[in-house]
Amino acid sequence: MPPMEYRRLGRSGLRVSVLSFGSWVTFANSDQIETAQQAAECLDAAKEAGVNFFDNAESYAAGESERVMGSAFRELGWKRNEYIVSTKLFWGLNNIPNMKNTLNRKYLSQGIDGSLERFGLDFVDLVFCHRPDPRTPIEETVWAMSDMISQGKALYWGTSEWSADEIRAAYDIADRHHLHKPLMEQPQYNILWRERVEKEYQRLYEDIGLGTTIWSPLSSGLLTGKYLNGVPEGSRATLPGYEWLKGMLTDQGRNKKVAQLKVIADELGVTLAQFSLAWCAKNPNVSTVITGASSAAQVRENMSALDAMELLSDEVMERVDLITLS
């Protein structure tokens, strides 16, 4: 396996591994990774491959994902300067006014404190506004996020699934008031979901130096090929609360494209998952590709996408375009 590549996160000096590890769906899930020890095995396998960025969010498993990851850090005995960790705020954990589905100052200031307590950390490296909030003025959110950085509770802030116009508006407000600017966006991006990263954000990479920490590079498992013959037992589409994925994962049109992509991966001698992860990483505007896994063995398999990156010639990339953009 080639050595891990590290890319600057936007225009910052922070370097993140091109493949990273996230806890969505898996951590604190009785069907996936329930204990800190299981989590530690995955984190250790990722770090061994060169991963230095570990993604999380307040809403993952209603806060328990942060607890499990924080416990795993302590179990592994990692020094704080050895890893980068994130959280995301918006959905909230309490169904009361000002504490759910918002980016107002009250929620953000208390939300970050809750995340840090669950992690058992003094600060996170990255904090994201997990979704836009049309009911809170962007200016209020920008001031609250900038204050979070100034207070040392996070080092960089960014957005997740914001439109290009919303990101630019936040950046302009921060620039005008000499505040800490949004540095990165966490959008969905994969071979079958390309528009926002490749077109909508295109001007932002050059204009404001936007970095990206992309999620769902395997389209919730669709790009592993496991759904070509229906929904297998124990897959993500069978998990409680994820029934909404079933229609997308069994869509005939999408699976026809997946079958064509699998032919290319087979020709290259790599799995479709490794091929799909490598394809995302080939985009120079992708700072890091967030991978997920429920076992250390799966982590290691995903990390072999580093080998697949070297096989993606211009000709291969053009074949992918013919399949997915037609």
C-alpha atoms as a PDB file:
ATOM      1  CA  MET A   1       0.000   0.000   0.000  1.00  0.00           C
ATOM      2  CA  PRO A   2       1.412   3.456  -0.880  1.00  0.00           C
ATOM      3  CA  PRO A   3       1.882   5.958   1.955  1.00  0.00           C
ATOM      4  CA  MET A   4      -1.069   8.104   2.965  1.00  0.00           C
ATOM      5  CA  GLU A   5      -1.401  11.430   1.155  1.00  0.00           C
ATOM      6  CA  TYR A   6      -2.066  14.555   3.224  1.00  0.00           C
ATOM      7  CA  ARG A   7      -3.840  17.579   1.774  1.00  0.00           C
ATOM      8  CA  ARG A   8      -4.290  21.083   3.113  1.00  0.00           C
ATOM      9  CA  LEU A   9      -7.815  21.749   4.307  1.00  0.00           C
ATOM     10  CA  GLY A  10      -8.752  24.630   2.044  1.00  0.00           C
ATOM     11  CA  ARG A  11      -6.326  27.510   2.446  1.00  0.00           C
ATOM     12  CA  SER A  12      -5.516  26.647   6.048  1.00  0.00           C
ATOM     13  CA  GLY A  13      -2.214  25.184   7.119  1.00  0.00           C
ATOM     14  CA  LEU A  14      -4.002  22.104   8.505  1.00  0.00           C
ATOM     15  CA  ARG A  15      -3.157  18.882   6.653  1.00  0.00           C
ATOM     16  CA  VAL A  16      -5.695  16.064   6.656  1.00  0.00           C
ATOM     17  CA  SER A  17      -5.287  12.515   5.400  1.00  0.00           C
ATOM     18  CA  VAL A  18      -6.944  12.067   2.003  1.00  0.00           C
ATOM     19  CA  LEU A  19      -8.830   9.112   3.498  1.00  0.00           C
ATOM     20  CA  SER A  20     -10.391   9.713   6.900  1.00  0.00           C
ATOM     21  CA  PHE A  21     -12.681   7.784   9.238  1.00  0.00           C
ATOM     22  CA  GLY A  22     -16.192   8.704  10.379  1.00  0.00           C
ATOM     23  CA  SER A  23     -18.634   7.279  12.920  1.00  0.00           C
ATOM     24  CA  TRP A  24     -22.008   7.930  11.266  1.00  0.00           C
ATOM     25  CA  VAL A  25     -24.360   4.904  11.552  1.00  0.00           C
ATOM     26  CA  THR A  26     -21.708   2.616  13.053  1.00  0.00           C
ATOM     27  CA  PHE A  27     -20.676   3.942  16.489  1.00  0.00           C
ATOM     28  CA  ALA A  28     -22.941   3.277  19.495  1.00  0.00           C
ATOM     29  CA  ASN A  29     -25.091   0.995  17.323  1.00  0.00           C
ATOM     30  CA  SER A  30     -25.841  -2.472  18.704  1.00  0.00           C
ATOM     31  CA  ASP A  31     -25.777  -3.886  15.164  1.00  0.00           C
ATOM     32  CA  GLN A  32     -22.429  -2.274  14.306  1.00  0.00           C
ATOM     33  CA  ILE A  33     -19.937  -0.846  16.851  1.00  0.00           C
ATOM     34  CA  GLU A  34     -21.336  -0.715  20.368  1.00  0.00           C
ATOM     35  CA  THR A  35     -18.323  -0.447  22.684  1.00  0.00           C
ATOM     36  CA  ALA A  36     -15.270   1.770  23.005  1.00  0.00           C
ATOM     37  CA  GLN A  37     -13.051  -1.295  22.562  1.00  0.00           C
ATOM     38  CA  GLN A  38     -14.614  -2.120  19.182  1.00  0.00           C
ATOM     39  CA  ALA A  39     -14.294   1.529  18.179  1.00  0.00           C
ATOM     40  CA  ALA A  40     -10.665   1.590  19.308  1.00  0.00           C
ATOM     41  CA  GLU A  41      -9.856  -1.355  17.034  1.00  0.00           C
ATOM     42  CA  CYS A  42     -11.236   0.546  14.031  1.00  0.00           C
ATOM     43  CA  LEU A  43      -9.540   3.806  14.976  1.00  0.00           C
ATOM     44  CA  ASP A  44      -6.236   2.028  15.511  1.00  0.00           C
ATOM     45  CA  ALA A  45      -6.438   0.305  12.119  1.00  0.00           C
ATOM     46  CA  ALA A  46      -7.196   3.642  10.462  1.00  0.00           C
ATOM     47  CA  LYS A  47      -4.336   5.429  12.215  1.00  0.00           C
ATOM     48  CA  GLU A  48      -1.973   2.606  11.307  1.00  0.00           C
ATOM     49  CA  ALA A  49      -2.798   3.319   7.652  1.00  0.00           C
ATOM     50  CA  GLY A  50      -2.007   7.010   8.135  1.00  0.00           C
ATOM     51  CA  VAL A  51      -5.459   8.422   8.885  1.00  0.00           C
ATOM     52  CA  ASN A  52      -5.294  11.512  11.088  1.00  0.00           C
ATOM     53  CA  PHE A  53      -8.872  12.864  10.802  1.00  0.00           C
ATOM     54  CA  PHE A  54     -11.829  11.328  12.637  1.00  0.00           C
ATOM     55  CA  ASP A  55     -15.304  12.692  11.939  1.00  0.00           C
ATOM     56  CA  ASN A  56     -18.258  12.755  14.323  1.00  0.00           C
ATOM     57  CA  ALA A  57     -21.405  14.762  15.127  1.00  0.00           C
ATOM     58  CA  GLU A  58     -23.588  15.597  18.081  1.00  0.00           C
ATOM     59  CA  SER A  59     -26.580  13.935  16.428  1.00  0.00           C
ATOM     60  CA  TYR A  60     -24.888  10.592  15.699  1.00  0.00           C
ATOM     61  CA  ALA A  61     -26.593   8.056  17.983  1.00  0.00           C
ATOM     62  CA  ALA A  62     -27.991  11.007  19.965  1.00  0.00           C
ATOM     63  CA  GLY A  63     -24.588  11.985  21.339  1.00  0.00           C
ATOM     64  CA  GLU A  64     -23.429   8.472  22.176  1.00  0.00           C
ATOM     65  CA  SER A  65     -21.140   8.322  19.134  1.00  0.00           C
ATOM     66  CA  GLU A  66     -19.079  11.156  20.630  1.00  0.00           C
ATOM     67  CA  ARG A  67     -18.879   9.334  23.964  1.00  0.00           C
ATOM     68  CA  VAL A  68     -17.724   6.103  22.318  1.00  0.00           C
ATOM     69  CA  MET A  69     -15.107   7.858  20.191  1.00  0.00           C
ATOM     70  CA  GLY A  70     -13.800   9.880  23.130  1.00  0.00           C
ATOM     71  CA  SER A  71     -13.521   6.725  25.239  1.00  0.00           C
ATOM     72  CA  ALA A  72     -11.690   5.003  22.382  1.00  0.00           C
ATOM     73  CA  PHE A  73      -9.168   7.851  22.183  1.00  0.00           C
ATOM     74  CA  ARG A  74      -8.444   7.422  25.878  1.00  0.00           C
ATOM     75  CA  GLU A  75      -8.268   3.632  25.635  1.00  0.00           C
ATOM     76  CA  LEU A  76      -5.717   3.944  22.843  1.00  0.00           C
ATOM     77  CA  GLY A  77      -3.723   6.484  24.828  1.00  0.00           C
ATOM     78  CA  TRP A  78      -3.331   8.817  21.870  1.00  0.00           C
ATOM     79  CA  LYS A  79      -1.771  12.202  22.487  1.00  0.00           C
ATOM     80  CA  ARG A  80      -4.021  15.119  21.526  1.00  0.00           C
ATOM     81  CA  ASN A  81      -1.554  16.341  18.897  1.00  0.00           C
ATOM     82  CA  GLU A  82      -1.747  13.004  17.048  1.00  0.00           C
ATOM     83  CA  TYR A  83      -5.253  13.322  15.630  1.00  0.00           C
ATOM     84  CA  ILE A  84      -7.854  15.712  14.240  1.00  0.00           C
ATOM     85  CA  VAL A  85     -11.443  15.289  15.396  1.00  0.00           C
ATOM     86  CA  SER A  86     -14.651  17.028  14.383  1.00  0.00           C
ATOM     87  CA  THR A  87     -18.211  17.461  15.500  1.00  0.00           C
ATOM     88  CA  LYS A  88     -21.278  18.982  13.879  1.00  0.00           C
ATOM     89  CA  LEU A  89     -24.100  21.020  15.397  1.00  0.00           C
ATOM     90  CA  PHE A  90     -27.675  21.721  14.275  1.00  0.00           C
ATOM     91  CA  TRP A  91     -30.125  18.911  15.017  1.00  0.00           C
ATOM     92  CA  GLY A  92     -29.808  19.107  18.806  1.00  0.00           C
ATOM     93  CA  LEU A  93     -30.529  16.485  21.457  1.00  0.00           C
ATOM     94  CA  ASN A  94     -33.429  18.145  23.278  1.00  0.00           C
ATOM     95  CA  ASN A  95     -36.844  18.698  21.731  1.00  0.00           C
ATOM     96  CA  ILE A  96     -37.386  22.136  23.238  1.00  0.00           C
ATOM     97  CA  PRO A  97     -37.350  25.644  21.733  1.00  0.00           C
ATOM     98  CA  ASN A  98     -33.863  26.960  20.890  1.00  0.00           C
ATOM     99  CA  MET A  99     -32.246  23.558  21.300  1.00  0.00           C
ATOM    100  CA  LYS A 100     -33.309  21.682  18.150  1.00  0.00           C
ATOM    101  CA  ASN A 101     -32.863  22.269  14.401  1.00  0.00           C
ATOM    102  CA  THR A 102     -31.261  25.656  14.890  1.00  0.00           C
ATOM    103  CA  LEU A 103     -28.011  27.598  14.575  1.00  0.00           C
ATOM    104  CA  ASN A 104     -28.867  30.387  16.996  1.00  0.00           C
ATOM    105  CA  ARG A 105     -26.251  31.654  19.418  1.00  0.00           C
ATOM    106  CA  LYS A 106     -27.777  30.015  22.501  1.00  0.00           C
ATOM    107  CA  TYR A 107     -27.858  26.566  20.950  1.00  0.00           C
ATOM    108  CA  LEU A 108     -24.397  26.758  19.395  1.00  0.00           C
ATOM    109  CA  SER A 109     -22.706  27.999  22.576  1.00  0.00           C
ATOM    110  CA  GLN A 110     -24.283  25.244  24.675  1.00  0.00           C
ATOM    111  CA  GLY A 111     -24.089  22.588  21.955  1.00  0.00           C
ATOM    112  CA  ILE A 112     -20.304  22.761  21.676  1.00  0.00           C
ATOM    113  CA  ASP A 113     -19.974  22.489  25.459  1.00  0.00           C
ATOM    114  CA  GLY A 114     -22.084  19.335  25.408  1.00  0.00           C
ATOM    115  CA  SER A 115     -19.989  17.799  22.630  1.00  0.00           C
ATOM    116  CA  LEU A 116     -16.734  18.518  24.438  1.00  0.00           C
ATOM    117  CA  GLU A 117     -18.092  16.989  27.637  1.00  0.00           C
ATOM    118  CA  ARG A 118     -19.140  13.807  25.809  1.00  0.00           C
ATOM    119  CA  PHE A 119     -15.797  13.536  24.020  1.00  0.00           C
ATOM    120  CA  GLY A 120     -13.887  14.304  27.204  1.00  0.00           C
ATOM    121  CA  LEU A 121     -11.833  16.880  25.267  1.00  0.00           C
ATOM    122  CA  ASP A 122     -10.893  20.522  25.796  1.00  0.00           C
ATOM    123  CA  PHE A 123     -11.454  21.346  22.113  1.00  0.00           C
ATOM    124  CA  VAL A 124     -12.332  19.862  18.747  1.00  0.00           C
ATOM    125  CA  ASP A 125     -10.251  20.669  15.710  1.00  0.00           C
ATOM    126  CA  LEU A 126     -13.187  21.153  13.335  1.00  0.00           C
ATOM    127  CA  VAL A 127     -16.792  22.119  14.014  1.00  0.00           C
ATOM    128  CA  PHE A 128     -19.477  22.218  11.345  1.00  0.00           C
ATOM    129  CA  CYS A 129     -22.910  23.806  11.098  1.00  0.00           C
ATOM    130  CA  HIS A 130     -24.604  20.532  10.201  1.00  0.00           C
ATOM    131  CA  ARG A 131     -27.318  22.119   8.032  1.00  0.00           C
ATOM    132  CA  PRO A 132     -28.336  25.679   7.129  1.00  0.00           C
ATOM    133  CA  ASP A 133     -30.917  27.356   9.361  1.00  0.00           C
ATOM    134  CA  PRO A 134     -33.240  29.673   7.402  1.00  0.00           C
ATOM    135  CA  ARG A 135     -34.854  30.912  10.632  1.00  0.00           C
ATOM    136  CA  THR A 136     -31.660  32.309  12.149  1.00  0.00           C
ATOM    137  CA  PRO A 137     -29.843  35.245  10.512  1.00  0.00           C
ATOM    138  CA  ILE A 138     -26.579  34.015   9.015  1.00  0.00           C
ATOM    139  CA  GLU A 139     -24.850  36.934  10.738  1.00  0.00           C
ATOM    140  CA  GLU A 140     -25.864  35.600  14.177  1.00  0.00           C
ATOM    141  CA  THR A 141     -24.513  32.155  13.289  1.00  0.00           C
ATOM    142  CA  VAL A 142     -21.240  33.553  11.940  1.00  0.00           C
ATOM    143  CA  TRP A 143     -20.617  35.589  15.104  1.00  0.00           C
ATOM    144  CA  ALA A 144     -21.408  32.581  17.330  1.00  0.00           C
ATOM    145  CA  MET A 145     -19.095  30.274  15.356  1.00  0.00           C
ATOM    146  CA  SER A 146     -16.307  32.846  15.308  1.00  0.00           C
ATOM    147  CA  ASP A 147     -16.632  33.294  19.074  1.00  0.00           C
ATOM    148  CA  MET A 148     -16.367  29.506  19.446  1.00  0.00           C
ATOM    149  CA  ILE A 149     -12.991  29.650  17.705  1.00  0.00           C
ATOM    150  CA  SER A 150     -11.836  32.669  19.742  1.00  0.00           C
ATOM    151  CA  GLN A 151     -12.740  30.840  22.965  1.00  0.00           C
ATOM    152  CA  GLY A 152     -10.536  27.894  21.947  1.00  0.00           C
ATOM    153  CA  LYS A 153     -13.381  25.366  21.874  1.00  0.00           C
ATOM    154  CA  ALA A 154     -12.673  24.618  18.213  1.00  0.00           C
ATOM    155  CA  LEU A 155      -9.847  25.538  15.846  1.00  0.00           C
ATOM    156  CA  TYR A 156     -11.693  25.847  12.521  1.00  0.00           C
ATOM    157  CA  TRP A 157     -15.346  26.067  11.560  1.00  0.00           C
ATOM    158  CA  GLY A 158     -17.288  25.211   8.470  1.00  0.00           C
ATOM    159  CA  THR A 159     -20.620  24.087   7.080  1.00  0.00           C
ATOM    160  CA  SER A 160     -22.329  20.907   5.921  1.00  0.00           C
ATOM    161  CA  GLU A 161     -24.815  20.770   3.049  1.00  0.00           C
ATOM    162  CA  TRP A 162     -25.003  24.548   2.687  1.00  0.00           C
ATOM    163  CA  SER A 163     -25.587  26.066  -0.720  1.00  0.00           C
ATOM    164  CA  ALA A 164     -22.791  27.996  -2.410  1.00  0.00           C
ATOM    165  CA  ASP A 165     -24.740  31.239  -1.866  1.00  0.00           C
ATOM    166  CA  GLU A 166     -25.112  30.544   1.862  1.00  0.00           C
ATOM    167  CA  ILE A 167     -21.411  29.745   2.251  1.00  0.00           C
ATOM    168  CA  ARG A 168     -20.404  32.893   0.388  1.00  0.00           C
ATOM    169  CA  ALA A 169     -22.785  34.998   2.478  1.00  0.00           C
ATOM    170  CA  ALA A 170     -21.254  33.619   5.697  1.00  0.00           C
ATOM    171  CA  TYR A 171     -17.740  34.200   4.390  1.00  0.00           C
ATOM    172  CA  ASP A 172     -18.523  37.790   3.360  1.00  0.00           C
ATOM    173  CA  ILE A 173     -20.037  38.591   6.782  1.00  0.00           C
ATOM    174  CA  ALA A 174     -16.966  37.203   8.544  1.00  0.00           C
ATOM    175  CA  ASP A 175     -14.651  39.087   6.195  1.00  0.00           C
ATOM    176  CA  ARG A 176     -16.508  42.361   6.685  1.00  0.00           C
ATOM    177  CA  HIS A 177     -16.397  42.125  10.489  1.00  0.00           C
ATOM    178  CA  HIS A 178     -12.868  40.600  10.704  1.00  0.00           C
ATOM    179  CA  LEU A 179     -14.238  37.371  12.178  1.00  0.00           C
ATOM    180  CA  HIS A 180     -13.040  33.781  11.810  1.00  0.00           C
ATOM    181  CA  LYS A 181     -14.211  32.688   8.365  1.00  0.00           C
ATOM    182  CA  PRO A 182     -15.816  29.371   7.400  1.00  0.00           C
ATOM    183  CA  LEU A 183     -13.029  27.177   6.074  1.00  0.00           C
ATOM    184  CA  MET A 184     -14.594  23.926   4.921  1.00  0.00           C
ATOM    185  CA  GLU A 185     -17.819  22.320   3.744  1.00  0.00           C
ATOM    186  CA  GLN A 186     -18.927  18.720   4.295  1.00  0.00           C
ATOM    187  CA  PRO A 187     -21.102  17.745   1.321  1.00  0.00           C
ATOM    188  CA  GLN A 188     -22.269  14.413   0.006  1.00  0.00           C
ATOM    189  CA  TYR A 189     -20.107  13.370  -2.943  1.00  0.00           C
ATOM    190  CA  ASN A 190     -19.717  10.150  -4.863  1.00  0.00           C
ATOM    191  CA  ILE A 191     -19.653   8.815  -8.409  1.00  0.00           C
ATOM    192  CA  LEU A 192     -23.454   9.026  -8.582  1.00  0.00           C
ATOM    193  CA  TRP A 193     -23.822  12.369  -6.725  1.00  0.00           C
ATOM    194  CA  ARG A 194     -21.585  14.985  -8.322  1.00  0.00           C
ATOM    195  CA  GLU A 195     -23.380  18.256  -9.071  1.00  0.00           C
ATOM    196  CA  ARG A 196     -22.747  20.270  -5.910  1.00  0.00           C
ATOM    197  CA  VAL A 197     -19.044  19.510  -5.443  1.00  0.00           C
ATOM    198  CA  GLU A 198     -18.118  19.661  -9.115  1.00  0.00           C
ATOM    199  CA  LYS A 199     -20.289  22.567 -10.292  1.00  0.00           C
ATOM    200  CA  GLU A 200     -22.087  24.543  -7.585  1.00  0.00           C
ATOM    201  CA  TYR A 201     -18.996  25.031  -5.400  1.00  0.00           C
ATOM    202  CA  GLN A 202     -16.526  25.452  -8.261  1.00  0.00           C
ATOM    203  CA  ARG A 203     -16.007  29.213  -7.827  1.00  0.00           C
ATOM    204  CA  LEU A 204     -15.615  28.873  -4.053  1.00  0.00           C
ATOM    205  CA  TYR A 205     -12.460  26.764  -4.283  1.00  0.00           C
ATOM    206  CA  GLU A 206     -10.565  29.581  -5.938  1.00  0.00           C
ATOM    207  CA  ASP A 207     -12.432  32.595  -4.546  1.00  0.00           C
ATOM    208  CA  ILE A 208     -12.392  31.740  -0.820  1.00  0.00           C
ATOM    209  CA  GLY A 209     -10.207  28.617  -0.687  1.00  0.00           C
ATOM    210  CA  LEU A 210     -12.981  26.270   0.389  1.00  0.00           C
ATOM    211  CA  GLY A 211     -11.904  22.843   1.658  1.00  0.00           C
ATOM    212  CA  THR A 212     -14.174  19.786   1.543  1.00  0.00           C
ATOM    213  CA  THR A 213     -14.538  16.781   3.840  1.00  0.00           C
ATOM    214  CA  ILE A 214     -16.887  14.685   1.735  1.00  0.00           C
ATOM    215  CA  TRP A 215     -19.338  12.127   3.134  1.00  0.00           C
ATOM    216  CA  SER A 216     -21.141   9.095   1.665  1.00  0.00           C
ATOM    217  CA  PRO A 217     -18.436   8.290  -0.914  1.00  0.00           C
ATOM    218  CA  LEU A 218     -20.048   4.840  -1.301  1.00  0.00           C
ATOM    219  CA  SER A 219     -23.587   6.251  -1.544  1.00  0.00           C
ATOM    220  CA  SER A 220     -24.667   4.521   1.682  1.00  0.00           C
ATOM    221  CA  GLY A 221     -23.279   1.215   0.420  1.00  0.00           C
ATOM    222  CA  LEU A 222     -24.780   1.304  -3.075  1.00  0.00           C
ATOM    223  CA  LEU A 223     -21.292   1.656  -4.579  1.00  0.00           C
ATOM    224  CA  THR A 224     -20.086  -1.529  -2.920  1.00  0.00           C
ATOM    225  CA  GLY A 225     -22.285  -3.537  -5.284  1.00  0.00           C
ATOM    226  CA  LYS A 226     -23.963  -5.374  -2.411  1.00  0.00           C
ATOM    227  CA  TYR A 227     -27.425  -4.220  -3.516  1.00  0.00           C
ATOM    228  CA  LEU A 228     -27.208  -5.462  -7.108  1.00  0.00           C
ATOM    229  CA  ASN A 229     -29.350  -8.474  -6.188  1.00  0.00           C
ATOM    230  CA  GLY A 230     -31.637  -6.882  -3.592  1.00  0.00           C
ATOM    231  CA  VAL A 231     -31.202  -5.914   0.075  1.00  0.00           C
ATOM    232  CA  PRO A 232     -28.978  -8.340   2.010  1.00  0.00           C
ATOM    233  CA  GLU A 233     -29.653  -9.102   5.660  1.00  0.00           C
ATOM    234  CA  GLY A 234     -27.686  -6.936   8.083  1.00  0.00           C
ATOM    235  CA  SER A 235     -27.044  -4.198   5.528  1.00  0.00           C
ATOM    236  CA  ARG A 236     -27.599  -0.509   6.269  1.00  0.00           C
ATOM    237  CA  ALA A 237     -31.015  -0.506   4.585  1.00  0.00           C
ATOM    238  CA  THR A 238     -32.254  -3.027   7.185  1.00  0.00           C
ATOM    239  CA  LEU A 239     -31.185  -0.960  10.214  1.00  0.00           C
ATOM    240  CA  PRO A 240     -33.941   0.665  12.312  1.00  0.00           C
ATOM    241  CA  GLY A 241     -34.325   4.305  11.315  1.00  0.00           C
ATOM    242  CA  TYR A 242     -32.704   3.870   7.907  1.00  0.00           C
ATOM    243  CA  GLU A 243     -35.716   2.521   6.025  1.00  0.00           C
ATOM    244  CA  TRP A 244     -35.661   5.691   3.900  1.00  0.00           C
ATOM    245  CA  LEU A 245     -32.520   4.388   2.183  1.00  0.00           C
ATOM    246  CA  LYS A 246     -34.163   1.293   0.755  1.00  0.00           C
ATOM    247  CA  GLY A 247     -35.729   2.986  -2.277  1.00  0.00           C
ATOM    248  CA  MET A 248     -32.440   4.590  -3.318  1.00  0.00           C
ATOM    249  CA  LEU A 249     -30.430   1.420  -2.774  1.00  0.00           C
ATOM    250  CA  THR A 250     -32.768  -0.722  -4.854  1.00  0.00           C
ATOM    251  CA  ASP A 251     -33.313   1.793  -7.668  1.00  0.00           C
ATOM    252  CA  GLN A 252     -32.907  -0.080 -10.958  1.00  0.00           C
ATOM    253  CA  GLY A 253     -31.399   2.846 -12.856  1.00  0.00           C
ATOM    254  CA  ARG A 254     -28.710   3.444 -10.233  1.00  0.00           C
ATOM    255  CA  ASN A 255     -27.901  -0.238  -9.927  1.00  0.00           C
ATOM    256  CA  LYS A 256     -27.522  -0.513 -13.692  1.00  0.00           C
ATOM    257  CA  LYS A 257     -24.784   2.114 -13.477  1.00  0.00           C
ATOM    258  CA  VAL A 258     -23.241   0.338 -10.464  1.00  0.00           C
ATOM    259  CA  ALA A 259     -23.047  -2.892 -12.467  1.00  0.00           C
ATOM    260  CA  GLN A 260     -21.217  -1.045 -15.280  1.00  0.00           C
ATOM    261  CA  LEU A 261     -18.806   0.531 -12.796  1.00  0.00           C
ATOM    262  CA  LYS A 262     -18.125  -2.879 -11.271  1.00  0.00           C
ATOM    263  CA  VAL A 263     -16.904  -4.082 -14.664  1.00  0.00           C
ATOM    264  CA  ILE A 264     -14.219  -1.361 -14.612  1.00  0.00           C
ATOM    265  CA  ALA A 265     -13.226  -2.144 -11.009  1.00  0.00           C
ATOM    266  CA  ASP A 266     -12.967  -5.851 -11.832  1.00  0.00           C
ATOM    267  CA  GLU A 267     -10.719  -5.054 -14.806  1.00  0.00           C
ATOM    268  CA  LEU A 268      -8.423  -3.066 -12.495  1.00  0.00           C
ATOM    269  CA  GLY A 269      -8.351  -5.862  -9.926  1.00  0.00           C
ATOM    270  CA  VAL A 270      -9.868  -3.813  -7.065  1.00  0.00           C
ATOM    271  CA  THR A 271     -13.192  -3.949  -5.274  1.00  0.00           C
ATOM    272  CA  LEU A 272     -15.942  -1.588  -6.356  1.00  0.00           C
ATOM    273  CA  ALA A 273     -15.741   0.087  -2.921  1.00  0.00           C
ATOM    274  CA  GLN A 274     -12.001   0.732  -3.266  1.00  0.00           C
ATOM    275  CA  PHE A 275     -12.546   2.003  -6.799  1.00  0.00           C
ATOM    276  CA  SER A 276     -15.321   4.365  -5.672  1.00  0.00           C
ATOM    277  CA  LEU A 277     -13.288   5.769  -2.763  1.00  0.00           C
ATOM    278  CA  ALA A 278     -10.276   6.284  -5.028  1.00  0.00           C
ATOM    279  CA  TRP A 279     -12.447   8.054  -7.609  1.00  0.00           C
ATOM    280  CA  CYS A 280     -13.574  10.600  -4.996  1.00  0.00           C
ATOM    281  CA  ALA A 281     -10.002  11.160  -3.836  1.00  0.00           C
ATOM    282  CA  LYS A 282      -8.855  11.871  -7.398  1.00  0.00           C
ATOM    283  CA  ASN A 283     -10.759  15.171  -7.303  1.00  0.00           C
ATOM    284  CA  PRO A 284      -8.189  17.810  -6.238  1.00  0.00           C
ATOM    285  CA  ASN A 285     -10.966  19.879  -4.629  1.00  0.00           C
ATOM    286  CA  VAL A 286     -11.676  17.040  -2.186  1.00  0.00           C
ATOM    287  CA  SER A 287      -9.560  17.553   0.923  1.00  0.00           C
ATOM    288  CA  THR A 288     -10.511  14.240   2.517  1.00  0.00           C
ATOM    289  CA  VAL A 289     -12.856  11.316   1.858  1.00  0.00           C
ATOM    290  CA  ILE A 290     -14.682  10.183   5.006  1.00  0.00           C
ATOM    291  CA  THR A 291     -14.883   6.397   5.111  1.00  0.00           C
ATOM    292  CA  GLY A 292     -16.976   4.267   7.442  1.00  0.00           C
ATOM    293  CA  ALA A 293     -16.535   0.728   8.698  1.00  0.00           C
ATOM    294  CA  SER A 294     -17.894  -1.631  11.329  1.00  0.00           C
ATOM    295  CA  SER A 295     -14.696  -3.652  11.799  1.00  0.00           C
ATOM    296  CA  ALA A 296     -10.939  -3.208  11.665  1.00  0.00           C
ATOM    297  CA  ALA A 297     -10.806  -5.567   8.669  1.00  0.00           C
ATOM    298  CA  GLN A 298     -13.227  -3.344   6.771  1.00  0.00           C
ATOM    299  CA  VAL A 299     -11.124  -0.301   7.657  1.00  0.00           C
ATOM    300  CA  ARG A 300      -8.047  -1.960   6.169  1.00  0.00           C
ATOM    301  CA  GLU A 301      -9.969  -2.921   3.036  1.00  0.00           C
ATOM    302  CA  ASN A 302     -11.111   0.682   2.579  1.00  0.00           C
ATOM    303  CA  MET A 303      -7.567   1.962   3.042  1.00  0.00           C
ATOM    304  CA  SER A 304      -6.492  -0.129   0.038  1.00  0.00           C
ATOM    305  CA  ALA A 305      -8.227   2.541  -2.038  1.00  0.00           C
ATOM    306  CA  LEU A 306      -4.809   4.224  -1.886  1.00  0.00           C
ATOM    307  CA  ASP A 307      -3.594   1.490  -4.269  1.00  0.00           C
ATOM    308  CA  ALA A 308      -6.606   2.004  -6.531  1.00  0.00           C
ATOM    309  CA  MET A 309      -5.883   5.745  -6.886  1.00  0.00           C
ATOM    310  CA  GLU A 310      -2.757   4.931  -8.888  1.00  0.00           C
ATOM    311  CA  LEU A 311      -4.830   2.913 -11.373  1.00  0.00           C
ATOM    312  CA  LEU A 312      -7.315   5.658 -12.268  1.00  0.00           C
ATOM    313  CA  SER A 313      -5.944   6.915 -15.580  1.00  0.00           C
ATOM    314  CA  ASP A 314      -7.573   9.634 -17.671  1.00  0.00           C
ATOM    315  CA  GLU A 315      -9.094   6.885 -19.804  1.00  0.00           C
ATOM    316  CA  VAL A 316     -10.656   5.220 -16.762  1.00  0.00           C
ATOM    317  CA  MET A 317     -12.046   8.527 -15.523  1.00  0.00           C
ATOM    318  CA  GLU A 318     -13.568   9.179 -18.948  1.00  0.00           C
ATOM    319  CA  ARG A 319     -15.274   5.779 -18.887  1.00  0.00           C
ATOM    320  CA  VAL A 320     -16.782   6.656 -15.505  1.00  0.00           C
ATOM    321  CA  ASP A 321     -18.107   9.917 -16.953  1.00  0.00           C
ATOM    322  CA  LEU A 322     -19.742   8.079 -19.860  1.00  0.00           C
ATOM    323  CA  ILE A 323     -21.555   5.815 -17.412  1.00  0.00           C
ATOM    324  CA  THR A 324     -22.601   8.353 -14.795  1.00  0.00           C
ATOM    325  CA  LEU A 325     -23.160  11.552 -16.755  1.00  0.00           C
ATOM    326  CA  SER A 326     -25.164  10.050 -19.609  1.00  0.00           C
END
